Amino acid sequence: MTYGSLTVQFLGLLTAIFMPSREIPNSIFCKIPRTSQSQQIKNMFSSITKSSLLLLAPLHLFRGMYIAFWLTIYPTTIAFTGQFAKNHNLIGYICIAFTIGEIALGFFISHFSKKVKDFGLWPVFSMVIGSFSLNVLVWVLFTPKLSSIQPTNDPAIFENCIPIVIAMGALNGIVDGCLNNVIMVILPKVLPSNPAVSFSISKFYQSIASATFYFVSSLLTVHQLGALLTFTLATAAVGFSIVVKRVKAAHQIAPEGKK
């Protein structure tokens, strides 16, 4: 698996290097003047205090926390559950389900983005809320409380089973795909003069949240982690709502669902 992962990363690097560059007419990025790396860093620090980017900070924090969740914390709770101790390939099946969920979501969003204006804003964010709520509810109900801290044979609220574990893997892929899409859509609209800076700021928050959540996950129970994720997403939804209203007012974006 390690060699396979390294091979895929190397192929991805080659693809990025040799992929022909092509500017899309009238896109945001083609209107941005080229600047030096040092200027980009200065722009990032001068823009980090902008109110709209601060309001989106909880969304970036949630994204970082959720990356840590599906990448390490969720597989750990499954591996630490005594019921699945002998299912050595279960984590691999979860990864496959995650990939299928994310790819299927990509086709879904691509289809409806052509039909619904600004589908990547509230419609997709609503999918984030719905899929996450279902996922975290199932995780709390079917996962032993202490499995995020130590191996345990304690029962969960309801007995877990392999189909539920794999379905949660697919849901993780859907939540992650929706989050990526929402952030890719909203950030260029918030800072159209320099979207690369807004993406850099998002990565700043995301990396801090991931590192912190990795550490905290070994100290908190499944229920506490679920509550922390839920609270962060609720806060992110408030900030996202305010920013979308500002973006619509500034750019005169029509309401979702209308062409």
Protein backbone atom coordinates (compact mmCIF):
# COMPACT_ATOMS: atom_id res chain seq x y z
CA MET A 1 0.00 0.00 0.00
CA THR A 2 2.86 2.37 0.82
CA TYR A 3 4.57 1.76 -2.53
CA GLY A 4 1.25 2.12 -4.32
CA SER A 5 0.56 5.44 -2.60
CA LEU A 6 4.02 6.75 -3.47
CA THR A 7 3.57 5.67 -7.09
CA VAL A 8 0.23 7.48 -7.39
CA GLN A 9 1.72 10.63 -5.83
CA PHE A 10 4.66 10.52 -8.25
CA LEU A 11 2.32 10.11 -11.22
CA GLY A 12 0.25 13.03 -9.93
CA LEU A 13 3.39 15.16 -9.75
CA LEU A 14 4.34 14.26 -13.33
CA THR A 15 0.81 15.08 -14.48
CA ALA A 16 1.00 18.52 -12.84
CA ILE A 17 4.40 19.22 -14.41
CA PHE A 18 3.56 18.20 -17.97
CA MET A 19 -0.08 19.24 -18.09
CA PRO A 20 -0.46 22.02 -20.70
CA SER A 21 -1.48 25.37 -19.26
CA ARG A 22 -4.66 26.87 -20.58
CA GLU A 23 -6.38 30.05 -19.47
CA ILE A 24 -10.16 30.04 -19.39
CA PRO A 25 -11.55 33.23 -20.98
CA ASN A 26 -13.09 35.69 -18.50
CA SER A 27 -12.14 33.54 -15.50
CA ILE A 28 -11.08 35.11 -12.20
CA PHE A 29 -7.56 33.71 -12.40
CA CYS A 30 -6.75 35.05 -15.86
CA LYS A 31 -7.36 38.61 -14.61
CA ILE A 32 -4.84 38.37 -11.76
CA PRO A 33 -1.42 39.97 -12.34
CA ARG A 34 1.60 37.80 -11.60
CA THR A 35 3.45 38.63 -8.37
CA SER A 36 6.54 37.34 -6.58
CA GLN A 37 6.47 34.76 -3.80
CA SER A 38 7.44 37.34 -1.18
CA GLN A 39 4.61 39.62 -2.30
CA GLN A 40 2.17 36.73 -2.07
CA ILE A 41 3.24 36.12 1.54
CA LYS A 42 2.79 39.83 2.36
CA ASN A 43 -0.64 39.77 0.74
CA MET A 44 -1.61 36.75 2.81
CA PHE A 45 -0.74 38.38 6.14
CA SER A 46 -2.42 41.64 5.15
CA SER A 47 -5.60 39.81 4.09
CA ILE A 48 -5.92 37.37 6.99
CA THR A 49 -7.80 39.93 9.09
CA LYS A 50 -10.44 40.68 6.46
CA SER A 51 -13.86 40.14 8.01
CA SER A 52 -15.18 37.72 5.36
CA LEU A 53 -12.10 35.52 5.62
CA LEU A 54 -12.37 35.56 9.42
CA LEU A 55 -16.02 34.52 9.16
CA LEU A 56 -14.94 31.56 7.00
CA ALA A 57 -12.27 30.51 9.52
CA PRO A 58 -14.62 28.04 11.31
CA LEU A 59 -15.31 26.37 7.96
CA HIS A 60 -11.59 25.90 7.35
CA LEU A 61 -11.13 24.67 10.92
CA PHE A 62 -13.92 22.14 10.41
CA ARG A 63 -12.37 20.99 7.16
CA GLY A 64 -9.02 20.41 8.88
CA MET A 65 -10.69 18.56 11.75
CA TYR A 66 -12.71 16.41 9.37
CA ILE A 67 -9.65 15.49 7.32
CA ALA A 68 -8.04 14.26 10.56
CA PHE A 69 -11.27 12.43 11.37
CA TRP A 70 -11.68 10.40 8.19
CA LEU A 71 -7.97 9.92 7.61
CA THR A 72 -7.00 8.62 11.06
CA ILE A 73 -9.56 8.92 13.85
CA TYR A 74 -12.41 6.98 12.25
CA PRO A 75 -10.18 4.09 11.07
CA THR A 76 -8.61 4.01 14.54
CA THR A 77 -12.00 3.61 16.24
CA ILE A 78 -12.76 0.70 13.94
CA ALA A 79 -9.36 -0.93 14.54
CA PHE A 80 -9.78 -0.47 18.32
CA THR A 81 -13.22 -2.09 18.35
CA GLY A 82 -12.85 -5.67 19.58
CA GLN A 83 -15.71 -6.81 17.36
CA PHE A 84 -13.60 -6.12 14.25
CA ALA A 85 -10.22 -7.29 15.59
CA LYS A 86 -10.02 -10.18 13.12
CA ASN A 87 -11.17 -8.18 10.07
CA HIS A 88 -7.70 -7.20 8.89
CA ASN A 89 -8.86 -5.89 5.50
CA LEU A 90 -11.73 -3.78 6.83
CA ILE A 91 -9.78 -0.51 6.75
CA GLY A 92 -8.98 -1.17 3.08
CA TYR A 93 -12.67 -1.66 2.32
CA ILE A 94 -13.44 1.62 4.10
CA CYS A 95 -10.89 3.39 1.88
CA ILE A 96 -12.48 1.90 -1.24
CA ALA A 97 -15.93 3.03 -0.06
CA PHE A 98 -14.56 6.51 0.63
CA THR A 99 -13.18 6.74 -2.91
CA ILE A 100 -16.44 5.54 -4.47
CA GLY A 101 -18.44 8.05 -2.40
CA GLU A 102 -16.22 10.96 -3.39
CA ILE A 103 -16.12 10.06 -7.09
CA ALA A 104 -19.89 9.55 -7.24
CA LEU A 105 -20.38 12.90 -5.55
CA GLY A 106 -18.09 14.54 -8.10
CA PHE A 107 -20.32 13.35 -10.95
CA PHE A 108 -23.41 14.49 -9.06
CA ILE A 109 -22.09 18.00 -8.42
CA SER A 110 -20.73 18.32 -11.95
CA HIS A 111 -24.15 17.44 -13.40
CA PHE A 112 -26.20 19.83 -11.27
CA SER A 113 -23.68 22.68 -11.43
CA LYS A 114 -24.52 22.94 -15.14
CA LYS A 115 -28.23 23.22 -14.38
CA VAL A 116 -28.43 25.21 -11.14
CA LYS A 117 -26.74 28.58 -10.72
CA ASP A 118 -24.32 28.72 -7.78
CA PHE A 119 -25.02 25.10 -6.95
CA GLY A 120 -21.64 25.01 -5.19
CA LEU A 121 -22.79 27.44 -2.49
CA TRP A 122 -25.83 26.68 -0.31
CA PRO A 123 -27.05 23.54 -2.13
CA VAL A 124 -23.72 21.76 -1.65
CA PHE A 125 -23.22 23.20 1.83
CA SER A 126 -26.65 21.81 2.75
CA MET A 127 -25.35 18.45 1.57
CA VAL A 128 -22.37 18.90 3.90
CA ILE A 129 -24.71 19.46 6.84
CA GLY A 130 -27.01 16.56 5.94
CA SER A 131 -24.36 13.96 5.18
CA PHE A 132 -22.23 14.94 8.18
CA SER A 133 -25.22 14.87 10.55
CA LEU A 134 -26.11 11.36 9.41
CA ASN A 135 -22.50 10.23 9.56
CA VAL A 136 -21.71 11.54 13.04
CA LEU A 137 -25.04 10.22 14.40
CA VAL A 138 -24.33 6.71 13.10
CA TRP A 139 -20.72 6.93 14.35
CA VAL A 140 -21.79 7.87 17.89
CA LEU A 141 -24.57 5.27 18.04
CA PHE A 142 -22.63 2.32 16.58
CA THR A 143 -19.08 2.95 17.85
CA PRO A 144 -17.82 2.11 21.36
CA LYS A 145 -17.34 5.26 23.40
CA LEU A 146 -13.68 4.63 24.32
CA SER A 147 -12.53 3.28 20.94
CA SER A 148 -10.92 6.61 20.08
CA ILE A 149 -8.62 6.26 23.10
CA GLN A 150 -7.82 2.56 23.50
CA PRO A 151 -8.71 -0.93 22.26
CA THR A 152 -12.01 -1.92 23.82
CA ASN A 153 -14.55 -4.71 23.91
CA ASP A 154 -17.24 -2.45 25.35
CA PRO A 155 -20.51 -2.43 23.43
CA ALA A 156 -21.75 0.63 21.60
CA ILE A 157 -25.28 1.97 22.00
CA PHE A 158 -26.27 -0.27 19.08
CA GLU A 159 -24.36 -3.25 17.75
CA ASN A 160 -22.19 -2.37 14.80
CA CYS A 161 -21.71 -4.41 11.64
CA ILE A 162 -19.47 -4.35 8.57
CA PRO A 163 -22.06 -2.87 6.13
CA ILE A 164 -22.56 0.11 8.46
CA VAL A 165 -18.80 0.61 8.80
CA ILE A 166 -18.36 0.61 5.02
CA ALA A 167 -21.38 2.88 4.49
CA MET A 168 -19.80 5.37 6.87
CA GLY A 169 -16.65 5.23 4.76
CA ALA A 170 -18.70 6.27 1.73
CA LEU A 171 -20.37 9.04 3.74
CA ASN A 172 -16.94 10.32 4.74
CA GLY A 173 -16.09 10.60 1.05
CA ILE A 174 -19.31 12.53 0.38
CA VAL A 175 -18.71 14.98 3.24
CA ASP A 176 -15.10 15.54 2.18
CA GLY A 177 -16.05 16.06 -1.46
CA CYS A 178 -18.79 18.54 -0.56
CA LEU A 179 -16.43 20.50 1.70
CA ASN A 180 -13.79 20.73 -1.01
CA ASN A 181 -16.35 21.94 -3.55
CA VAL A 182 -17.84 24.58 -1.25
CA ILE A 183 -14.43 26.00 -0.39
CA MET A 184 -13.30 26.02 -4.02
CA VAL A 185 -16.42 27.98 -4.97
CA ILE A 186 -16.65 30.52 -2.13
CA LEU A 187 -13.00 31.56 -1.76
CA PRO A 188 -12.49 33.11 -5.24
CA LYS A 189 -15.73 35.05 -4.73
CA VAL A 190 -14.61 36.40 -1.35
CA LEU A 191 -11.25 37.66 -2.61
CA PRO A 192 -11.53 37.86 -6.42
CA SER A 193 -8.52 40.16 -6.68
CA ASN A 194 -6.22 37.42 -5.36
CA PRO A 195 -7.91 34.04 -4.75
CA ALA A 196 -4.54 32.32 -4.24
CA VAL A 197 -4.17 34.30 -1.02
CA SER A 198 -7.58 33.19 0.25
CA PHE A 199 -6.63 29.55 -0.44
CA SER A 200 -3.34 30.03 1.41
CA ILE A 201 -5.20 31.41 4.42
CA SER A 202 -7.61 28.48 4.33
CA LYS A 203 -4.67 26.05 4.43
CA PHE A 204 -3.23 27.96 7.39
CA TYR A 205 -6.40 27.37 9.44
CA GLN A 206 -6.82 23.84 8.11
CA SER A 207 -3.33 22.67 9.09
CA ILE A 208 -3.67 24.07 12.62
CA ALA A 209 -7.04 22.37 13.07
CA SER A 210 -5.80 19.01 11.76
CA ALA A 211 -2.72 18.98 13.99
CA THR A 212 -4.73 19.98 17.06
CA PHE A 213 -7.49 17.46 16.39
CA TYR A 214 -4.97 14.65 15.94
CA PHE A 215 -3.65 15.39 19.43
CA VAL A 216 -7.06 15.91 21.06
CA SER A 217 -8.52 12.74 19.56
CA SER A 218 -6.44 10.53 21.87
CA LEU A 219 -7.83 12.34 24.91
CA LEU A 220 -11.55 12.56 24.09
CA THR A 221 -14.21 9.90 23.72
CA VAL A 222 -16.18 9.24 20.54
CA HIS A 223 -19.15 11.21 21.90
CA GLN A 224 -16.99 14.21 22.81
CA LEU A 225 -15.29 14.22 19.41
CA GLY A 226 -18.66 14.05 17.67
CA ALA A 227 -19.94 16.98 19.73
CA LEU A 228 -16.82 19.03 18.96
CA LEU A 229 -17.16 18.42 15.23
CA THR A 230 -20.87 19.27 15.32
CA PHE A 231 -20.30 22.52 17.21
CA THR A 232 -17.58 23.59 14.76
CA LEU A 233 -19.79 22.91 11.74
CA ALA A 234 -22.69 24.82 13.31
CA THR A 235 -20.38 27.81 13.84
CA ALA A 236 -19.10 27.45 10.27
CA ALA A 237 -22.67 27.48 8.94
CA VAL A 238 -23.35 30.85 10.60
CA GLY A 239 -20.20 32.42 9.16
CA PHE A 240 -20.80 30.88 5.74
CA SER A 241 -24.35 32.26 5.65
CA ILE A 242 -23.14 35.81 6.35
CA VAL A 243 -20.37 35.59 3.74
CA VAL A 244 -22.72 34.26 1.04
CA LYS A 245 -25.08 37.18 1.65
CA ARG A 246 -22.16 39.60 1.28
CA VAL A 247 -20.97 37.90 -1.90
CA LYS A 248 -24.43 38.04 -3.45
CA ALA A 249 -24.77 41.70 -2.57
CA ALA A 250 -21.33 42.52 -3.98
CA HIS A 251 -21.56 40.47 -7.16
CA GLN A 252 -25.33 40.52 -7.64
CA ILE A 253 -25.56 36.73 -7.64
CA ALA A 254 -29.05 35.40 -8.28
CA PRO A 255 -30.59 33.07 -5.68
CA GLU A 256 -29.66 29.40 -5.98
CA GLY A 257 -31.94 27.39 -8.18
CA LYS A 258 -32.50 30.17 -10.72
CA LYS A 259 -30.65 30.47 -13.95
